[in-house]
N, C-alpha and C. Protein backbone atom coordinates (compact mmCIF):
# COMPACT_ATOMS: atom_id res chain seq x y z
N MET A 1 79.76 105.39 121.23
CA MET A 1 79.58 105.99 122.52
C MET A 1 80.09 107.43 122.55
N ASP A 2 80.99 107.78 121.60
CA ASP A 2 81.55 109.12 121.59
C ASP A 2 82.03 109.43 120.18
N VAL A 3 82.11 110.70 119.88
CA VAL A 3 82.63 111.13 118.59
C VAL A 3 83.40 112.43 118.78
N GLU A 4 84.47 112.56 118.02
CA GLU A 4 85.31 113.76 118.06
C GLU A 4 85.67 114.09 116.62
N ALA A 5 85.09 115.14 116.08
CA ALA A 5 85.36 115.52 114.69
C ALA A 5 86.76 116.13 114.59
N THR A 6 87.47 115.75 113.53
CA THR A 6 88.83 116.26 113.31
C THR A 6 89.07 116.47 111.83
N PRO A 7 90.04 117.30 111.49
CA PRO A 7 90.47 117.36 110.09
C PRO A 7 91.22 116.07 109.76
N ALA A 8 91.35 115.78 108.50
CA ALA A 8 92.06 114.57 108.07
C ALA A 8 93.56 114.77 108.22
N HIS A 9 94.01 114.70 109.44
CA HIS A 9 95.42 114.90 109.76
C HIS A 9 95.79 113.88 110.82
N ARG A 10 96.87 113.16 110.59
CA ARG A 10 97.25 112.05 111.48
C ARG A 10 97.31 112.44 112.94
N THR A 11 97.97 113.54 113.26
CA THR A 11 98.11 113.94 114.66
C THR A 11 96.76 114.25 115.29
N ALA A 12 95.91 114.96 114.56
CA ALA A 12 94.58 115.30 115.09
C ALA A 12 93.75 114.05 115.31
N GLU A 13 93.82 113.10 114.39
CA GLU A 13 93.05 111.86 114.54
C GLU A 13 93.50 111.06 115.75
N VAL A 14 94.80 110.96 115.94
CA VAL A 14 95.33 110.21 117.09
C VAL A 14 94.95 110.90 118.40
N ASP A 15 95.11 112.22 118.44
CA ASP A 15 94.73 112.96 119.65
C ASP A 15 93.24 112.81 119.95
N SER A 16 92.41 112.83 118.91
CA SER A 16 90.96 112.70 119.14
C SER A 16 90.61 111.31 119.65
N THR A 17 91.35 110.30 119.22
CA THR A 17 91.11 108.95 119.73
C THR A 17 91.38 108.88 121.22
N LYS A 18 92.48 109.48 121.64
CA LYS A 18 92.78 109.52 123.07
C LYS A 18 91.69 110.25 123.83
N THR A 19 91.23 111.37 123.28
CA THR A 19 90.16 112.15 123.92
C THR A 19 88.89 111.32 124.07
N MET A 20 88.50 110.63 122.99
CA MET A 20 87.28 109.82 123.05
C MET A 20 87.39 108.68 124.04
N VAL A 21 88.51 107.99 124.03
CA VAL A 21 88.69 106.87 124.97
C VAL A 21 88.62 107.38 126.40
N GLU A 22 89.28 108.49 126.68
CA GLU A 22 89.28 109.03 128.05
C GLU A 22 87.90 109.55 128.46
N ARG A 23 87.15 110.17 127.54
CA ARG A 23 85.80 110.63 127.87
C ARG A 23 84.86 109.48 128.17
N VAL A 24 84.92 108.43 127.34
CA VAL A 24 84.06 107.27 127.58
C VAL A 24 84.43 106.62 128.91
N GLU A 25 85.70 106.55 129.19
CA GLU A 25 86.15 105.99 130.47
C GLU A 25 85.61 106.82 131.64
N ALA A 26 85.67 108.12 131.53
CA ALA A 26 85.20 109.00 132.62
C ALA A 26 83.68 108.96 132.76
N GLN A 27 82.96 108.96 131.63
CA GLN A 27 81.50 109.03 131.69
C GLN A 27 80.84 107.69 131.97
N PHE A 28 81.38 106.61 131.41
CA PHE A 28 80.71 105.31 131.50
C PHE A 28 81.52 104.24 132.21
N ASP A 29 82.73 104.57 132.65
CA ASP A 29 83.63 103.62 133.29
C ASP A 29 83.89 102.41 132.38
N LEU A 30 84.07 102.70 131.08
CA LEU A 30 84.37 101.67 130.09
C LEU A 30 85.66 102.02 129.38
N THR A 31 86.49 101.00 129.18
CA THR A 31 87.72 101.15 128.40
C THR A 31 87.73 100.02 127.38
N PRO A 32 88.03 100.31 126.12
CA PRO A 32 88.03 99.22 125.13
C PRO A 32 89.12 98.19 125.43
N GLU A 33 88.82 96.95 125.09
CA GLU A 33 89.82 95.89 125.24
C GLU A 33 90.84 95.95 124.13
N ARG A 34 90.42 96.39 122.94
CA ARG A 34 91.31 96.48 121.80
C ARG A 34 90.93 97.67 120.94
N LEU A 35 91.90 98.14 120.16
CA LEU A 35 91.69 99.25 119.25
C LEU A 35 92.24 98.86 117.89
N ILE A 36 91.43 99.07 116.85
CA ILE A 36 91.83 98.74 115.49
C ILE A 36 92.02 100.05 114.73
N GLY A 37 93.14 100.17 114.03
CA GLY A 37 93.39 101.39 113.28
C GLY A 37 94.44 101.19 112.21
N ASP A 38 94.72 102.27 111.47
CA ASP A 38 95.73 102.21 110.42
C ASP A 38 97.09 102.62 110.98
N THR A 39 98.06 102.86 110.11
CA THR A 39 99.42 103.15 110.57
C THR A 39 99.52 104.43 111.40
N ALA A 40 98.55 105.33 111.29
CA ALA A 40 98.57 106.54 112.12
C ALA A 40 98.58 106.17 113.60
N TYR A 41 97.98 105.04 113.93
CA TYR A 41 97.92 104.60 115.33
C TYR A 41 99.08 103.68 115.69
N GLY A 42 99.97 103.41 114.73
CA GLY A 42 101.08 102.50 114.96
C GLY A 42 102.38 103.19 115.32
N THR A 43 102.31 104.42 115.80
CA THR A 43 103.51 105.13 116.23
C THR A 43 103.87 104.70 117.66
N ALA A 44 105.12 104.84 118.00
CA ALA A 44 105.58 104.42 119.33
C ALA A 44 104.82 105.12 120.46
N PRO A 45 104.62 106.46 120.40
CA PRO A 45 103.88 107.10 121.50
C PRO A 45 102.44 106.60 121.64
N MET A 46 101.77 106.37 120.51
CA MET A 46 100.39 105.90 120.57
C MET A 46 100.33 104.47 121.08
N LEU A 47 101.23 103.62 120.60
CA LEU A 47 101.26 102.23 121.09
C LEU A 47 101.57 102.18 122.58
N ALA A 48 102.50 103.01 123.03
CA ALA A 48 102.82 103.05 124.46
C ALA A 48 101.61 103.50 125.27
N TRP A 49 100.90 104.50 124.78
CA TRP A 49 99.70 104.99 125.48
C TRP A 49 98.66 103.88 125.58
N MET A 50 98.42 103.18 124.44
CA MET A 50 97.42 102.11 124.46
C MET A 50 97.80 100.98 125.41
N VAL A 51 99.03 100.51 125.29
CA VAL A 51 99.46 99.32 126.02
C VAL A 51 99.80 99.63 127.48
N GLU A 52 100.64 100.63 127.69
CA GLU A 52 101.15 100.88 129.04
C GLU A 52 100.19 101.69 129.91
N GLU A 53 99.52 102.68 129.33
CA GLU A 53 98.64 103.53 130.14
C GLU A 53 97.20 103.02 130.21
N LYS A 54 96.69 102.47 129.10
CA LYS A 54 95.27 102.11 129.05
C LYS A 54 95.01 100.61 129.02
N ASP A 55 96.04 99.81 128.89
CA ASP A 55 95.89 98.35 128.81
C ASP A 55 94.94 97.95 127.68
N ILE A 56 95.11 98.62 126.52
CA ILE A 56 94.32 98.32 125.33
C ILE A 56 95.19 97.51 124.38
N GLU A 57 94.64 96.43 123.85
CA GLU A 57 95.36 95.59 122.90
C GLU A 57 95.30 96.24 121.52
N PRO A 58 96.45 96.68 120.97
CA PRO A 58 96.42 97.34 119.67
C PRO A 58 96.37 96.34 118.52
N HIS A 59 95.52 96.62 117.54
CA HIS A 59 95.46 95.87 116.30
C HIS A 59 95.72 96.88 115.18
N VAL A 60 96.97 97.31 115.09
CA VAL A 60 97.38 98.34 114.13
C VAL A 60 98.73 97.98 113.54
N PRO A 61 98.96 98.34 112.29
CA PRO A 61 100.30 98.13 111.74
C PRO A 61 101.27 99.13 112.35
N VAL A 62 102.46 98.67 112.66
CA VAL A 62 103.47 99.53 113.28
C VAL A 62 104.06 100.42 112.20
N TRP A 63 104.21 101.69 112.51
CA TRP A 63 104.80 102.65 111.58
C TRP A 63 106.31 102.48 111.66
N ASP A 64 106.86 101.70 110.73
CA ASP A 64 108.28 101.34 110.74
C ASP A 64 109.07 102.31 109.88
N LYS A 65 109.95 103.07 110.48
CA LYS A 65 110.78 104.02 109.74
C LYS A 65 112.23 103.55 109.62
N THR A 66 112.49 102.28 109.93
CA THR A 66 113.87 101.80 109.91
C THR A 66 114.47 101.78 108.50
N GLU A 67 113.64 101.60 107.48
CA GLU A 67 114.15 101.56 106.10
C GLU A 67 114.13 102.94 105.45
N ARG A 68 113.67 103.95 106.16
CA ARG A 68 113.55 105.29 105.60
C ARG A 68 114.93 105.90 105.37
N LYS A 69 115.08 106.52 104.25
CA LYS A 69 116.32 107.21 103.92
C LYS A 69 116.18 108.68 104.29
N ASN A 70 117.28 109.34 104.52
CA ASN A 70 117.26 110.77 104.83
C ASN A 70 116.94 111.53 103.55
N ILE A 71 115.70 111.95 103.40
CA ILE A 71 115.25 112.60 102.17
C ILE A 71 115.99 113.91 101.94
N ALA A 72 116.32 114.63 102.98
CA ALA A 72 117.01 115.92 102.83
C ALA A 72 118.38 115.76 102.18
N ALA A 73 118.98 114.60 102.30
CA ALA A 73 120.32 114.39 101.75
C ALA A 73 120.29 113.96 100.28
N GLN A 74 119.09 113.76 99.70
CA GLN A 74 118.98 113.32 98.32
C GLN A 74 119.15 114.50 97.36
N PRO A 75 119.78 114.29 96.22
CA PRO A 75 119.93 115.37 95.25
C PRO A 75 118.58 115.78 94.67
N ALA A 76 118.42 117.07 94.39
CA ALA A 76 117.16 117.60 93.90
C ALA A 76 116.75 116.98 92.58
N ASN A 77 117.71 116.61 91.72
CA ASN A 77 117.36 116.07 90.42
C ASN A 77 116.84 114.63 90.50
N ARG A 78 116.76 114.09 91.67
CA ARG A 78 116.25 112.74 91.86
C ARG A 78 114.72 112.71 91.73
N TYR A 79 114.08 113.83 91.93
CA TYR A 79 112.63 113.90 91.98
C TYR A 79 112.05 114.47 90.70
N ALA A 80 110.84 114.05 90.37
CA ALA A 80 110.16 114.54 89.17
C ALA A 80 109.10 115.56 89.58
N VAL A 81 108.87 116.54 88.70
CA VAL A 81 107.84 117.55 88.92
C VAL A 81 106.86 117.45 87.77
N ASN A 82 105.59 117.22 88.07
CA ASN A 82 104.56 117.08 87.05
C ASN A 82 104.94 116.05 85.98
N GLY A 83 105.55 114.98 86.38
CA GLY A 83 105.91 113.89 85.49
C GLY A 83 107.22 114.07 84.74
N ALA A 84 107.81 115.27 84.80
CA ALA A 84 109.08 115.53 84.11
C ALA A 84 110.20 115.54 85.13
N PRO A 85 111.36 114.98 84.80
CA PRO A 85 112.48 115.02 85.75
C PRO A 85 112.85 116.45 86.10
N SER A 86 113.23 116.66 87.34
CA SER A 86 113.68 117.98 87.76
C SER A 86 114.98 118.33 87.06
N PRO A 87 115.15 119.58 86.67
CA PRO A 87 116.40 119.97 86.03
C PRO A 87 117.57 119.86 86.99
N SER A 88 118.70 119.46 86.47
CA SER A 88 119.88 119.34 87.29
C SER A 88 120.50 120.73 87.44
N LYS A 89 120.83 121.12 88.64
CA LYS A 89 121.40 122.44 88.88
C LYS A 89 122.74 122.29 89.57
N ASP A 90 123.66 123.10 89.19
CA ASP A 90 124.98 123.10 89.83
C ASP A 90 124.87 123.96 91.08
N LEU A 91 124.91 123.31 92.24
CA LEU A 91 124.77 124.03 93.51
C LEU A 91 126.14 124.41 94.07
N GLY A 92 127.22 124.07 93.40
CA GLY A 92 128.55 124.32 93.91
C GLY A 92 129.02 125.62 93.53
């Protein structure tokens, strides 16, 4: 019923989904009962928009960041560059 072209970027894709749903609702007085998507649609703001504002049943995996470690706090030599370990540098 609608299409919104976007670059392959999570934020743009999510924003375009909201735009399409709202345009179809305005033009045809139709709102989907459910929305199926990948983890890009499983963020808290998107889930809240679907459930609380639009009454759409989400069928998406939740983007769970509870197990995420603070990457900025990791030492630089922990990561590999082009398959080779990063050189250890004395930052002190």
